[in-house]
Amino acid sequence: MALVTVTSLTKINLAPKSVKDEIIQNVQCILGTVKGSVPLNRDFGTAIEAVDLPQPMAMMQLRIDIIEAIQKYEPRAIIRAIEFENETTAAADGILKPKITLEINEDA
């Protein structure tokens, strides 16, 4: 199992040491890309529409967007859980930071 967050992608490694590192980096890239911002692939990334929703609805919409994007663009990553950092304090500061627990399927 691997834990992935959006903020953990600092730089892109063009030659990852393992398949696991490659998959985690790909998931981080998907999470850190706003859907519509990639010129030749407008569907890549996660949607930003949840930004104006009430917190419970935003969390559910983000979960849906994350699941769909990862299933489409990195099928070797199997999502086991999606939680949010500081879920109890997120309402106060309005920031939702997803934490995704993945299982890596290197054979896919």
C-alpha atoms as a PDB file:
ATOM      1  CA  MET A   1       0.000   0.000   0.000  1.00  0.00           C
ATOM      2  CA  ALA A   2       1.156   3.533  -0.729  1.00  0.00           C
ATOM      3  CA  LEU A   3      -0.092   6.858   0.611  1.00  0.00           C
ATOM      4  CA  VAL A   4      -0.226   9.655  -1.965  1.00  0.00           C
ATOM      5  CA  THR A   5      -0.947  13.357  -1.463  1.00  0.00           C
ATOM      6  CA  VAL A   6      -1.054  16.222  -3.928  1.00  0.00           C
ATOM      7  CA  THR A   7       1.672  18.175  -2.159  1.00  0.00           C
ATOM      8  CA  SER A   8       4.164  15.321  -2.243  1.00  0.00           C
ATOM      9  CA  LEU A   9       5.077  15.830  -5.934  1.00  0.00           C
ATOM     10  CA  THR A  10       8.085  18.139  -5.917  1.00  0.00           C
ATOM     11  CA  LYS A  11       9.702  17.375  -9.251  1.00  0.00           C
ATOM     12  CA  ILE A  12       9.176  14.912 -12.053  1.00  0.00           C
ATOM     13  CA  ASN A  13      11.595  12.014 -12.260  1.00  0.00           C
ATOM     14  CA  LEU A  14      11.888  10.918 -15.890  1.00  0.00           C
ATOM     15  CA  ALA A  15      13.573   7.668 -14.855  1.00  0.00           C
ATOM     16  CA  PRO A  16      11.833   6.332 -11.725  1.00  0.00           C
ATOM     17  CA  LYS A  17      13.736   3.596  -9.893  1.00  0.00           C
ATOM     18  CA  SER A  18      10.767   1.230  -9.782  1.00  0.00           C
ATOM     19  CA  VAL A  19       7.328   0.657 -11.243  1.00  0.00           C
ATOM     20  CA  LYS A  20       5.866   1.609  -7.858  1.00  0.00           C
ATOM     21  CA  ASP A  21       7.646   4.986  -7.945  1.00  0.00           C
ATOM     22  CA  GLU A  22       6.410   5.547 -11.503  1.00  0.00           C
ATOM     23  CA  ILE A  23       2.803   4.792 -10.591  1.00  0.00           C
ATOM     24  CA  ILE A  24       2.882   7.009  -7.507  1.00  0.00           C
ATOM     25  CA  GLN A  25       4.392   9.857  -9.515  1.00  0.00           C
ATOM     26  CA  ASN A  26       1.704   9.435 -12.193  1.00  0.00           C
ATOM     27  CA  VAL A  27      -1.051   9.582  -9.568  1.00  0.00           C
ATOM     28  CA  GLN A  28       0.508  12.701  -8.031  1.00  0.00           C
ATOM     29  CA  CYS A  29       0.573  14.298 -11.477  1.00  0.00           C
ATOM     30  CA  ILE A  30      -3.099  13.447 -12.053  1.00  0.00           C
ATOM     31  CA  LEU A  31      -4.065  14.888  -8.661  1.00  0.00           C
ATOM     32  CA  GLY A  32      -2.035  18.054  -9.192  1.00  0.00           C
ATOM     33  CA  THR A  33      -3.464  18.830 -12.632  1.00  0.00           C
ATOM     34  CA  VAL A  34      -6.672  20.810 -13.065  1.00  0.00           C
ATOM     35  CA  LYS A  35      -8.944  19.244 -15.671  1.00  0.00           C
ATOM     36  CA  GLY A  36      -8.958  21.438 -18.781  1.00  0.00           C
ATOM     37  CA  SER A  37      -5.446  22.817 -18.267  1.00  0.00           C
ATOM     38  CA  VAL A  38      -3.578  20.381 -20.547  1.00  0.00           C
ATOM     39  CA  PRO A  39      -3.862  21.751 -24.115  1.00  0.00           C
ATOM     40  CA  LEU A  40      -4.016  18.490 -26.074  1.00  0.00           C
ATOM     41  CA  ASN A  41      -5.825  16.471 -23.410  1.00  0.00           C
ATOM     42  CA  ARG A  42      -8.493  18.634 -21.768  1.00  0.00           C
ATOM     43  CA  ASP A  43      -9.954  15.651 -19.897  1.00  0.00           C
ATOM     44  CA  PHE A  44      -6.712  14.897 -18.000  1.00  0.00           C
ATOM     45  CA  GLY A  45      -6.610  15.720 -14.266  1.00  0.00           C
ATOM     46  CA  THR A  46      -9.264  16.383 -11.668  1.00  0.00           C
ATOM     47  CA  ALA A  47     -12.162  18.825 -11.923  1.00  0.00           C
ATOM     48  CA  ILE A  48     -12.269  22.104 -10.039  1.00  0.00           C
ATOM     49  CA  GLU A  49     -16.075  22.475  -9.935  1.00  0.00           C
ATOM     50  CA  ALA A  50     -16.182  21.297  -6.301  1.00  0.00           C
ATOM     51  CA  VAL A  51     -14.477  24.493  -5.130  1.00  0.00           C
ATOM     52  CA  ASP A  52     -17.759  26.352  -4.530  1.00  0.00           C
ATOM     53  CA  LEU A  53     -19.715  23.471  -3.030  1.00  0.00           C
ATOM     54  CA  PRO A  54     -20.443  23.013   0.677  1.00  0.00           C
ATOM     55  CA  GLN A  55     -17.701  20.935   2.309  1.00  0.00           C
ATOM     56  CA  PRO A  56     -19.517  17.551   2.486  1.00  0.00           C
ATOM     57  CA  MET A  57     -20.593  17.839  -1.152  1.00  0.00           C
ATOM     58  CA  ALA A  58     -17.132  19.043  -2.214  1.00  0.00           C
ATOM     59  CA  MET A  59     -15.498  16.077  -0.494  1.00  0.00           C
ATOM     60  CA  MET A  60     -17.820  13.629  -2.247  1.00  0.00           C
ATOM     61  CA  GLN A  61     -17.350  15.315  -5.634  1.00  0.00           C
ATOM     62  CA  LEU A  62     -13.567  15.289  -5.215  1.00  0.00           C
ATOM     63  CA  ARG A  63     -13.658  11.589  -4.344  1.00  0.00           C
ATOM     64  CA  ILE A  64     -15.642  10.867  -7.501  1.00  0.00           C
ATOM     65  CA  ASP A  65     -13.309  12.967  -9.682  1.00  0.00           C
ATOM     66  CA  ILE A  66     -10.195  11.359  -8.179  1.00  0.00           C
ATOM     67  CA  ILE A  67     -11.520   7.818  -8.641  1.00  0.00           C
ATOM     68  CA  GLU A  68     -12.547   8.455 -12.262  1.00  0.00           C
ATOM     69  CA  ALA A  69      -9.260  10.167 -13.189  1.00  0.00           C
ATOM     70  CA  ILE A  70      -7.022   7.528 -11.615  1.00  0.00           C
ATOM     71  CA  GLN A  71      -9.026   4.654 -13.114  1.00  0.00           C
ATOM     72  CA  LYS A  72      -8.753   6.255 -16.545  1.00  0.00           C
ATOM     73  CA  TYR A  73      -5.147   7.475 -16.552  1.00  0.00           C
ATOM     74  CA  GLU A  74      -3.339   5.106 -14.159  1.00  0.00           C
ATOM     75  CA  PRO A  75      -5.231   1.794 -13.987  1.00  0.00           C
ATOM     76  CA  ARG A  76      -2.261   0.119 -12.232  1.00  0.00           C
ATOM     77  CA  ALA A  77      -3.193   2.117  -9.105  1.00  0.00           C
ATOM     78  CA  ILE A  78      -6.072   0.608  -7.148  1.00  0.00           C
ATOM     79  CA  ILE A  79      -7.674   3.096  -4.765  1.00  0.00           C
ATOM     80  CA  ARG A  80      -8.269   1.648  -1.299  1.00  0.00           C
ATOM     81  CA  ALA A  81      -9.227   4.844   0.548  1.00  0.00           C
ATOM     82  CA  ILE A  82      -9.606   8.581   0.029  1.00  0.00           C
ATOM     83  CA  GLU A  83      -9.470  10.749   3.126  1.00  0.00           C
ATOM     84  CA  PHE A  84      -8.746  14.407   3.639  1.00  0.00           C
ATOM     85  CA  GLU A  85      -5.951  15.891   5.754  1.00  0.00           C
ATOM     86  CA  ASN A  86      -7.277  17.754   8.772  1.00  0.00           C
ATOM     87  CA  GLU A  87     -10.834  16.819   7.872  1.00  0.00           C
ATOM     88  CA  THR A  88     -12.087  18.342  11.117  1.00  0.00           C
ATOM     89  CA  THR A  89     -10.316  21.666  10.576  1.00  0.00           C
ATOM     90  CA  ALA A  90     -10.967  21.812   6.819  1.00  0.00           C
ATOM     91  CA  ALA A  91     -14.291  23.531   7.453  1.00  0.00           C
ATOM     92  CA  ALA A  92     -12.526  26.371   9.244  1.00  0.00           C
ATOM     93  CA  ASP A  93      -9.847  27.056   6.622  1.00  0.00           C
ATOM     94  CA  GLY A  94     -11.749  25.797   3.561  1.00  0.00           C
ATOM     95  CA  ILE A  95      -8.840  23.696   2.283  1.00  0.00           C
ATOM     96  CA  LEU A  96      -9.361  20.056   1.373  1.00  0.00           C
ATOM     97  CA  LYS A  97      -6.149  18.087   0.843  1.00  0.00           C
ATOM     98  CA  PRO A  98      -6.855  14.548  -0.360  1.00  0.00           C
ATOM     99  CA  LYS A  99      -4.826  11.608   0.944  1.00  0.00           C
ATOM    100  CA  ILE A 100      -5.179   8.533  -1.232  1.00  0.00           C
ATOM    101  CA  THR A 101      -4.223   5.043  -0.126  1.00  0.00           C
ATOM    102  CA  LEU A 102      -3.276   2.952  -3.147  1.00  0.00           C
ATOM    103  CA  GLU A 103      -2.531  -0.629  -3.883  1.00  0.00           C
ATOM    104  CA  ILE A 104      -0.081  -1.021  -6.748  1.00  0.00           C
ATOM    105  CA  ASN A 105      -0.858  -3.605  -9.432  1.00  0.00           C
ATOM    106  CA  GLU A 106       2.360  -3.784 -11.435  1.00  0.00           C
ATOM    107  CA  ASP A 107       0.962  -6.512 -13.681  1.00  0.00           C
ATOM    108  CA  ALA A 108      -1.880  -4.437 -15.167  1.00  0.00           C
END
